[in-house]
All heavy atoms as atom14 arrays in JSON, in Angstrom:
{
  "sequence": "MAAVLMGGFRVGEEPRAVVAAGAPQFSNTAELGRLLYTEY",
  "atom14_mask": [
    [1, 1, 1, 1, 1, 1, 1, 1, 0, 0, 0, 0, 0, 0],
    [1, 1, 1, 1, 1, 0, 0, 0, 0, 0, 0, 0, 0, 0],
    [1, 1, 1, 1, 1, 0, 0, 0, 0, 0, 0, 0, 0, 0],
    [1, 1, 1, 1, 1, 1, 1, 0, 0, 0, 0, 0, 0, 0],
    [1, 1, 1, 1, 1, 1, 1, 1, 0, 0, 0, 0, 0, 0],
    [1, 1, 1, 1, 1, 1, 1, 1, 0, 0, 0, 0, 0, 0],
    [1, 1, 1, 1, 0, 0, 0, 0, 0, 0, 0, 0, 0, 0],
    [1, 1, 1, 1, 0, 0, 0, 0, 0, 0, 0, 0, 0, 0],
    [1, 1, 1, 1, 1, 1, 1, 1, 1, 1, 1, 0, 0, 0],
    [1, 1, 1, 1, 1, 1, 1, 1, 1, 1, 1, 0, 0, 0],
    [1, 1, 1, 1, 1, 1, 1, 0, 0, 0, 0, 0, 0, 0],
    [1, 1, 1, 1, 0, 0, 0, 0, 0, 0, 0, 0, 0, 0],
    [1, 1, 1, 1, 1, 1, 1, 1, 1, 0, 0, 0, 0, 0],
    [1, 1, 1, 1, 1, 1, 1, 1, 1, 0, 0, 0, 0, 0],
    [1, 1, 1, 1, 1, 1, 1, 0, 0, 0, 0, 0, 0, 0],
    [1, 1, 1, 1, 1, 1, 1, 1, 1, 1, 1, 0, 0, 0],
    [1, 1, 1, 1, 1, 0, 0, 0, 0, 0, 0, 0, 0, 0],
    [1, 1, 1, 1, 1, 1, 1, 0, 0, 0, 0, 0, 0, 0],
    [1, 1, 1, 1, 1, 1, 1, 0, 0, 0, 0, 0, 0, 0],
    [1, 1, 1, 1, 1, 0, 0, 0, 0, 0, 0, 0, 0, 0],
    [1, 1, 1, 1, 1, 0, 0, 0, 0, 0, 0, 0, 0, 0],
    [1, 1, 1, 1, 0, 0, 0, 0, 0, 0, 0, 0, 0, 0],
    [1, 1, 1, 1, 1, 0, 0, 0, 0, 0, 0, 0, 0, 0],
    [1, 1, 1, 1, 1, 1, 1, 0, 0, 0, 0, 0, 0, 0],
    [1, 1, 1, 1, 1, 1, 1, 1, 1, 0, 0, 0, 0, 0],
    [1, 1, 1, 1, 1, 1, 1, 1, 1, 1, 1, 0, 0, 0],
    [1, 1, 1, 1, 1, 1, 0, 0, 0, 0, 0, 0, 0, 0],
    [1, 1, 1, 1, 1, 1, 1, 1, 0, 0, 0, 0, 0, 0],
    [1, 1, 1, 1, 1, 1, 1, 0, 0, 0, 0, 0, 0, 0],
    [1, 1, 1, 1, 1, 0, 0, 0, 0, 0, 0, 0, 0, 0],
    [1, 1, 1, 1, 1, 1, 1, 1, 1, 0, 0, 0, 0, 0],
    [1, 1, 1, 1, 1, 1, 1, 1, 0, 0, 0, 0, 0, 0],
    [1, 1, 1, 1, 0, 0, 0, 0, 0, 0, 0, 0, 0, 0],
    [1, 1, 1, 1, 1, 1, 1, 1, 1, 1, 1, 0, 0, 0],
    [1, 1, 1, 1, 1, 1, 1, 1, 0, 0, 0, 0, 0, 0],
    [1, 1, 1, 1, 1, 1, 1, 1, 0, 0, 0, 0, 0, 0],
    [1, 1, 1, 1, 1, 1, 1, 1, 1, 1, 1, 1, 0, 0],
    [1, 1, 1, 1, 1, 1, 1, 0, 0, 0, 0, 0, 0, 0],
    [1, 1, 1, 1, 1, 1, 1, 1, 1, 0, 0, 0, 0, 0],
    [1, 1, 1, 1, 1, 1, 1, 1, 1, 1, 1, 1, 0, 0]
  ],
  "atom14_positions": [
    [[0.82, -1.2, 0.0], [0.0, 0.0, 0.0], [0.86, 1.25, 0.0], [0.54, 2.25, -0.67], [-0.93, -0.02, 1.21], [-1.99, -1.1, 1.17], [-3.04, -1.09, 2.62], [-3.8, 0.52, 2.46], [0.0, 0.0, 0.0], [0.0, 0.0, 0.0], [0.0, 0.0, 0.0], [0.0, 0.0, 0.0], [0.0, 0.0, 0.0], [0.0, 0.0, 0.0]],
    [[1.97, 1.22, 0.75], [2.86, 2.39, 0.77], [3.49, 2.62, -0.59], [3.66, 3.77, -1.04], [3.93, 2.2, 1.83], [0.0, 0.0, 0.0], [0.0, 0.0, 0.0], [0.0, 0.0, 0.0], [0.0, 0.0, 0.0], [0.0, 0.0, 0.0], [0.0, 0.0, 0.0], [0.0, 0.0, 0.0], [0.0, 0.0, 0.0], [0.0, 0.0, 0.0]],
    [[3.84, 1.53, -1.3], [4.45, 1.69, -2.62], [3.46, 2.26, -3.63], [3.83, 3.04, -4.51], [4.98, 0.34, -3.1], [0.0, 0.0, 0.0], [0.0, 0.0, 0.0], [0.0, 0.0, 0.0], [0.0, 0.0, 0.0], [0.0, 0.0, 0.0], [0.0, 0.0, 0.0], [0.0, 0.0, 0.0], [0.0, 0.0, 0.0], [0.0, 0.0, 0.0]],
    [[2.18, 1.87, -3.49], [1.18, 2.35, -4.44], [0.75, 3.78, -4.12], [0.56, 4.61, -5.02], [-0.03, 1.39, -4.45], [-1.15, 1.96, -5.32], [0.39, 0.02, -4.96], [0.0, 0.0, 0.0], [0.0, 0.0, 0.0], [0.0, 0.0, 0.0], [0.0, 0.0, 0.0], [0.0, 0.0, 0.0], [0.0, 0.0, 0.0], [0.0, 0.0, 0.0]],
    [[0.6, 4.09, -2.85], [0.02, 5.37, -2.44], [1.06, 6.37, -1.94], [0.71, 7.31, -1.24], [-1.02, 5.14, -1.32], [-2.16, 4.18, -1.67], [-3.04, 3.96, -0.46], [-2.98, 4.73, -2.83], [0.0, 0.0, 0.0], [0.0, 0.0, 0.0], [0.0, 0.0, 0.0], [0.0, 0.0, 0.0], [0.0, 0.0, 0.0], [0.0, 0.0, 0.0]],
    [[2.31, 6.15, -2.23], [3.34, 7.04, -1.71], [3.15, 8.48, -2.19], [3.41, 9.43, -1.45], [4.72, 6.54, -2.12], [5.87, 7.3, -1.47], [5.84, 7.16, 0.33], [6.26, 5.42, 0.52], [0.0, 0.0, 0.0], [0.0, 0.0, 0.0], [0.0, 0.0, 0.0], [0.0, 0.0, 0.0], [0.0, 0.0, 0.0], [0.0, 0.0, 0.0]],
    [[2.69, 8.65, -3.41], [2.49, 10.0, -3.91], [1.35, 10.73, -3.23], [1.33, 11.97, -3.18], [0.0, 0.0, 0.0], [0.0, 0.0, 0.0], [0.0, 0.0, 0.0], [0.0, 0.0, 0.0], [0.0, 0.0, 0.0], [0.0, 0.0, 0.0], [0.0, 0.0, 0.0], [0.0, 0.0, 0.0], [0.0, 0.0, 0.0], [0.0, 0.0, 0.0]],
    [[0.38, 9.99, -2.68], [-0.75, 10.64, -2.03], [-0.48, 11.04, -0.6], [-1.35, 11.65, 0.04], [0.0, 0.0, 0.0], [0.0, 0.0, 0.0], [0.0, 0.0, 0.0], [0.0, 0.0, 0.0], [0.0, 0.0, 0.0], [0.0, 0.0, 0.0], [0.0, 0.0, 0.0], [0.0, 0.0, 0.0], [0.0, 0.0, 0.0], [0.0, 0.0, 0.0]],
    [[0.7, 10.71, -0.04], [1.0, 11.1, 1.33], [1.42, 12.55, 1.45], [1.5, 13.08, 2.55], [2.12, 10.22, 1.9], [1.67, 8.81, 2.16], [2.6, 7.78, 2.23], [0.33, 8.51, 2.31], [2.19, 6.48, 2.48], [-0.09, 7.23, 2.55], [0.84, 6.2, 2.63], [0.0, 0.0, 0.0], [0.0, 0.0, 0.0], [0.0, 0.0, 0.0]],
    [[1.7, 13.22, 0.34], [2.06, 14.64, 0.4], [0.78, 15.44, 0.39], [0.19, 15.71, -0.64], [2.94, 15.01, -0.8], [4.19, 14.15, -0.96], [5.05, 14.68, -2.08], [6.16, 13.8, -2.35], [6.14, 12.84, -3.27], [5.05, 12.66, -4.0], [7.21, 12.08, -3.46], [0.0, 0.0, 0.0], [0.0, 0.0, 0.0], [0.0, 0.0, 0.0]],
    [[0.32, 15.83, 1.59], [-1.0, 16.42, 1.73], [-0.97, 17.93, 1.83], [-2.02, 18.56, 1.89], [-1.69, 15.85, 3.0], [-1.92, 14.37, 2.84], [-0.84, 16.13, 4.24], [0.0, 0.0, 0.0], [0.0, 0.0, 0.0], [0.0, 0.0, 0.0], [0.0, 0.0, 0.0], [0.0, 0.0, 0.0], [0.0, 0.0, 0.0], [0.0, 0.0, 0.0]],
    [[0.2, 18.55, 1.86], [0.21, 19.97, 2.17], [0.67, 20.89, 1.07], [0.85, 22.08, 1.3], [0.0, 0.0, 0.0], [0.0, 0.0, 0.0], [0.0, 0.0, 0.0], [0.0, 0.0, 0.0], [0.0, 0.0, 0.0], [0.0, 0.0, 0.0], [0.0, 0.0, 0.0], [0.0, 0.0, 0.0], [0.0, 0.0, 0.0], [0.0, 0.0, 0.0]],
    [[0.9, 20.4, -0.17], [1.49, 21.25, -1.2], [0.43, 21.85, -2.13], [0.28, 23.06, -2.22], [2.5, 20.44, -2.01], [3.67, 19.95, -1.15], [4.62, 19.11, -1.96], [4.36, 18.92, -3.17], [5.64, 18.64, -1.41], [0.0, 0.0, 0.0], [0.0, 0.0, 0.0], [0.0, 0.0, 0.0], [0.0, 0.0, 0.0], [0.0, 0.0, 0.0]],
    [[-0.32, 21.02, -2.83], [-1.25, 21.51, -3.82], [-2.39, 22.35, -3.24], [-2.74, 23.38, -3.8], [-1.81, 20.34, -4.65], [-0.73, 19.66, -5.47], [-1.33, 18.56, -6.31], [-2.56, 18.37, -6.22], [-0.58, 17.91, -7.06], [0.0, 0.0, 0.0], [0.0, 0.0, 0.0], [0.0, 0.0, 0.0], [0.0, 0.0, 0.0], [0.0, 0.0, 0.0]],
    [[-3.02, 21.98, -2.1], [-4.08, 22.83, -1.57], [-3.63, 24.24, -1.24], [-4.34, 25.2, -1.5], [-4.55, 22.06, -0.33], [-4.2, 20.64, -0.63], [-2.93, 20.71, -1.39], [0.0, 0.0, 0.0], [0.0, 0.0, 0.0], [0.0, 0.0, 0.0], [0.0, 0.0, 0.0], [0.0, 0.0, 0.0], [0.0, 0.0, 0.0], [0.0, 0.0, 0.0]],
    [[-2.41, 24.37, -0.69], [-1.91, 25.71, -0.37], [-1.68, 26.52, -1.66], [-1.91, 27.72, -1.71], [-0.63, 25.59, 0.44], [-0.87, 25.25, 1.91], [0.33, 25.66, 2.73], [1.53, 24.97, 2.3], [1.96, 23.83, 2.84], [1.26, 23.24, 3.8], [3.07, 23.26, 2.41], [0.0, 0.0, 0.0], [0.0, 0.0, 0.0], [0.0, 0.0, 0.0]],
    [[-1.23, 25.85, -2.73], [-1.01, 26.56, -3.99], [-2.33, 27.06, -4.58], [-2.41, 28.15, -5.11], [-0.3, 25.64, -4.98], [0.0, 0.0, 0.0], [0.0, 0.0, 0.0], [0.0, 0.0, 0.0], [0.0, 0.0, 0.0], [0.0, 0.0, 0.0], [0.0, 0.0, 0.0], [0.0, 0.0, 0.0], [0.0, 0.0, 0.0], [0.0, 0.0, 0.0]],
    [[-3.39, 26.25, -4.43], [-4.69, 26.67, -4.96], [-5.23, 27.86, -4.19], [-5.74, 28.83, -4.75], [-5.68, 25.47, -4.9], [-7.09, 25.94, -5.24], [-5.23, 24.38, -5.86], [0.0, 0.0, 0.0], [0.0, 0.0, 0.0], [0.0, 0.0, 0.0], [0.0, 0.0, 0.0], [0.0, 0.0, 0.0], [0.0, 0.0, 0.0], [0.0, 0.0, 0.0]],
    [[-5.11, 27.83, -2.86], [-5.59, 28.95, -2.05], [-4.78, 30.21, -2.33], [-5.32, 31.31, -2.41], [-5.55, 28.57, -0.56], [-5.89, 29.77, 0.3], [-6.5, 27.42, -0.28], [0.0, 0.0, 0.0], [0.0, 0.0, 0.0], [0.0, 0.0, 0.0], [0.0, 0.0, 0.0], [0.0, 0.0, 0.0], [0.0, 0.0, 0.0], [0.0, 0.0, 0.0]],
    [[-3.46, 30.06, -2.52], [-2.63, 31.23, -2.77], [-2.95, 31.86, -4.13], [-2.83, 33.05, -4.31], [-1.15, 30.83, -2.72], [0.0, 0.0, 0.0], [0.0, 0.0, 0.0], [0.0, 0.0, 0.0], [0.0, 0.0, 0.0], [0.0, 0.0, 0.0], [0.0, 0.0, 0.0], [0.0, 0.0, 0.0], [0.0, 0.0, 0.0], [0.0, 0.0, 0.0]],
    [[-3.38, 31.06, -5.08], [-3.7, 31.6, -6.39], [-5.04, 32.3, -6.42], [-5.41, 32.88, -7.45], [-3.7, 30.47, -7.43], [0.0, 0.0, 0.0], [0.0, 0.0, 0.0], [0.0, 0.0, 0.0], [0.0, 0.0, 0.0], [0.0, 0.0, 0.0], [0.0, 0.0, 0.0], [0.0, 0.0, 0.0], [0.0, 0.0, 0.0], [0.0, 0.0, 0.0]],
    [[-5.8, 32.25, -5.35], [-7.08, 32.93, -5.28], [-8.22, 32.17, -5.89], [-9.25, 32.76, -6.25], [0.0, 0.0, 0.0], [0.0, 0.0, 0.0], [0.0, 0.0, 0.0], [0.0, 0.0, 0.0], [0.0, 0.0, 0.0], [0.0, 0.0, 0.0], [0.0, 0.0, 0.0], [0.0, 0.0, 0.0], [0.0, 0.0, 0.0], [0.0, 0.0, 0.0]],
    [[-8.09, 30.84, -6.04], [-9.17, 30.04, -6.6], [-10.28, 29.89, -5.56], [-10.05, 29.99, -4.35], [-8.64, 28.65, -7.0], [0.0, 0.0, 0.0], [0.0, 0.0, 0.0], [0.0, 0.0, 0.0], [0.0, 0.0, 0.0], [0.0, 0.0, 0.0], [0.0, 0.0, 0.0], [0.0, 0.0, 0.0], [0.0, 0.0, 0.0], [0.0, 0.0, 0.0]],
    [[-11.53, 29.67, -5.98], [-12.63, 29.49, -5.03], [-12.46, 28.24, -4.19], [-11.82, 27.27, -4.61], [-13.87, 29.41, -5.94], [-13.33, 28.98, -7.27], [-11.97, 29.6, -7.37], [0.0, 0.0, 0.0], [0.0, 0.0, 0.0], [0.0, 0.0, 0.0], [0.0, 0.0, 0.0], [0.0, 0.0, 0.0], [0.0, 0.0, 0.0], [0.0, 0.0, 0.0]],
    [[-13.06, 28.27, -2.98], [-12.95, 27.14, -2.07], [-13.7, 25.95, -2.64], [-14.78, 26.09, -3.23], [-13.52, 27.52, -0.7], [-12.75, 28.61, 0.02], [-11.37, 28.12, 0.43], [-11.17, 26.93, 0.68], [-10.42, 29.03, 0.51], [0.0, 0.0, 0.0], [0.0, 0.0, 0.0], [0.0, 0.0, 0.0], [0.0, 0.0, 0.0], [0.0, 0.0, 0.0]],
    [[-13.12, 24.78, -2.44], [-13.7, 23.53, -2.97], [-14.24, 22.73, -1.8], [-13.58, 22.56, -0.77], [-12.62, 22.74, -3.71], [-13.13, 21.46, -4.31], [-13.82, 21.46, -5.5], [-12.92, 20.25, -3.65], [-14.29, 20.29, -6.05], [-13.38, 19.07, -4.2], [-14.07, 19.09, -5.4], [0.0, 0.0, 0.0], [0.0, 0.0, 0.0], [0.0, 0.0, 0.0]],
    [[-15.46, 22.22, -1.96], [-16.12, 21.44, -0.91], [-16.37, 20.04, -1.43], [-17.1, 19.85, -2.42], [-17.44, 22.1, -0.49], [-18.12, 21.29, 0.45], [0.0, 0.0, 0.0], [0.0, 0.0, 0.0], [0.0, 0.0, 0.0], [0.0, 0.0, 0.0], [0.0, 0.0, 0.0], [0.0, 0.0, 0.0], [0.0, 0.0, 0.0], [0.0, 0.0, 0.0]],
    [[-15.76, 19.06, -0.77], [-15.98, 17.67, -1.16], [-17.42, 17.25, -0.92], [-18.0, 16.49, -1.71], [-15.04, 16.76, -0.39], [-13.6, 16.97, -0.79], [-13.31, 17.19, -1.95], [-12.7, 16.89, 0.18], [0.0, 0.0, 0.0], [0.0, 0.0, 0.0], [0.0, 0.0, 0.0], [0.0, 0.0, 0.0], [0.0, 0.0, 0.0], [0.0, 0.0, 0.0]],
    [[-18.01, 17.72, 0.18], [-19.38, 17.33, 0.5], [-20.36, 17.86, -0.53], [-21.27, 17.14, -0.97], [-19.75, 17.86, 1.89], [-18.78, 17.43, 2.85], [-21.12, 17.37, 2.32], [0.0, 0.0, 0.0], [0.0, 0.0, 0.0], [0.0, 0.0, 0.0], [0.0, 0.0, 0.0], [0.0, 0.0, 0.0], [0.0, 0.0, 0.0], [0.0, 0.0, 0.0]],
    [[-20.18, 19.12, -0.95], [-21.07, 19.68, -1.97], [-20.93, 18.96, -3.3], [-21.93, 18.68, -3.98], [-20.79, 21.17, -2.13], [0.0, 0.0, 0.0], [0.0, 0.0, 0.0], [0.0, 0.0, 0.0], [0.0, 0.0, 0.0], [0.0, 0.0, 0.0], [0.0, 0.0, 0.0], [0.0, 0.0, 0.0], [0.0, 0.0, 0.0], [0.0, 0.0, 0.0]],
    [[-19.69, 18.64, -3.69], [-19.48, 17.93, -4.95], [-20.05, 16.51, -4.89], [-20.62, 16.01, -5.86], [-17.99, 17.89, -5.28], [-17.41, 19.24, -5.64], [-18.05, 19.8, -6.91], [-18.36, 19.02, -7.82], [-18.24, 21.03, -6.97], [0.0, 0.0, 0.0], [0.0, 0.0, 0.0], [0.0, 0.0, 0.0], [0.0, 0.0, 0.0], [0.0, 0.0, 0.0]],
    [[-19.9, 15.86, -3.75], [-20.45, 14.51, -3.6], [-21.97, 14.54, -3.67], [-22.59, 13.68, -4.32], [-19.99, 13.9, -2.28], [-20.42, 12.46, -2.0], [-19.89, 11.52, -3.07], [-19.94, 12.02, -0.62], [0.0, 0.0, 0.0], [0.0, 0.0, 0.0], [0.0, 0.0, 0.0], [0.0, 0.0, 0.0], [0.0, 0.0, 0.0], [0.0, 0.0, 0.0]],
    [[-22.59, 15.52, -3.01], [-24.04, 15.65, -3.1], [-24.51, 15.96, -4.5], [-25.54, 15.44, -4.96], [0.0, 0.0, 0.0], [0.0, 0.0, 0.0], [0.0, 0.0, 0.0], [0.0, 0.0, 0.0], [0.0, 0.0, 0.0], [0.0, 0.0, 0.0], [0.0, 0.0, 0.0], [0.0, 0.0, 0.0], [0.0, 0.0, 0.0], [0.0, 0.0, 0.0]],
    [[-23.76, 16.8, -5.21], [-24.15, 17.12, -6.59], [-24.08, 15.89, -7.48], [-24.97, 15.64, -8.3], [-23.23, 18.22, -7.14], [-23.59, 18.71, -8.52], [-22.58, 19.72, -9.02], [-21.26, 19.11, -9.17], [-20.9, 18.35, -10.21], [-21.75, 18.12, -11.2], [-19.68, 17.85, -10.27], [0.0, 0.0, 0.0], [0.0, 0.0, 0.0], [0.0, 0.0, 0.0]],
    [[-23.02, 15.08, -7.31], [-22.9, 13.86, -8.12], [-23.98, 12.83, -7.77], [-24.54, 12.17, -8.65], [-21.51, 13.24, -7.92], [-20.33, 13.99, -8.55], [-19.03, 13.34, -8.19], [-20.5, 14.06, -10.07], [0.0, 0.0, 0.0], [0.0, 0.0, 0.0], [0.0, 0.0, 0.0], [0.0, 0.0, 0.0], [0.0, 0.0, 0.0], [0.0, 0.0, 0.0]],
    [[-24.27, 12.71, -6.48], [-25.26, 11.71, -6.08], [-26.65, 12.04, -6.6], [-27.39, 11.14, -7.02], [-25.3, 11.59, -4.54], [-24.16, 10.82, -3.88], [-24.32, 10.83, -2.37], [-24.12, 9.38, -4.38], [0.0, 0.0, 0.0], [0.0, 0.0, 0.0], [0.0, 0.0, 0.0], [0.0, 0.0, 0.0], [0.0, 0.0, 0.0], [0.0, 0.0, 0.0]],
    [[-27.02, 13.32, -6.57], [-28.38, 13.7, -6.93], [-28.51, 14.2, -8.36], [-29.55, 14.73, -8.72], [-28.88, 14.76, -5.96], [-29.09, 14.22, -4.57], [-28.15, 14.46, -3.58], [-30.2, 13.44, -4.25], [-28.32, 13.95, -2.3], [-30.38, 12.93, -2.98], [-29.44, 13.18, -2.01], [-29.6, 12.67, -0.76], [0.0, 0.0, 0.0], [0.0, 0.0, 0.0]],
    [[-27.45, 14.06, -9.17], [-27.56, 14.4, -10.58], [-27.19, 13.2, -11.46], [-28.05, 12.59, -12.09], [-26.66, 15.6, -10.91], [-25.31, 15.31, -10.47], [-27.16, 16.85, -10.23], [0.0, 0.0, 0.0], [0.0, 0.0, 0.0], [0.0, 0.0, 0.0], [0.0, 0.0, 0.0], [0.0, 0.0, 0.0], [0.0, 0.0, 0.0], [0.0, 0.0, 0.0]],
    [[-25.92, 12.83, -11.45], [-25.47, 11.74, -12.32], [-25.82, 10.36, -11.76], [-26.06, 9.42, -12.53], [-23.96, 11.84, -12.54], [-23.52, 13.11, -13.24], [-22.04, 13.14, -13.49], [-21.39, 12.08, -13.31], [-21.52, 14.21, -13.87], [0.0, 0.0, 0.0], [0.0, 0.0, 0.0], [0.0, 0.0, 0.0], [0.0, 0.0, 0.0], [0.0, 0.0, 0.0]],
    [[-25.82, 10.22, -10.43], [-26.08, 8.92, -9.81], [-27.4, 8.91, -9.05], [-27.53, 8.25, -8.02], [-24.93, 8.55, -8.86], [-23.59, 8.44, -9.55], [-22.71, 9.51, -9.57], [-23.23, 7.25, -10.19], [-21.48, 9.41, -10.2], [-22.0, 7.14, -10.83], [-21.14, 8.22, -10.83], [-19.93, 8.11, -11.46], [0.0, 0.0, 0.0], [0.0, 0.0, 0.0]]
  ]
}
């Protein structure tokens, strides 16, 4: 599992870059609800 998911352990780089660029906040719960009640 560590060999397969080693790239996903870096949790602090990309989110900070998105916030610094001024992109809108992303909500996993809202996106999950949108997918469940539209496509699925």
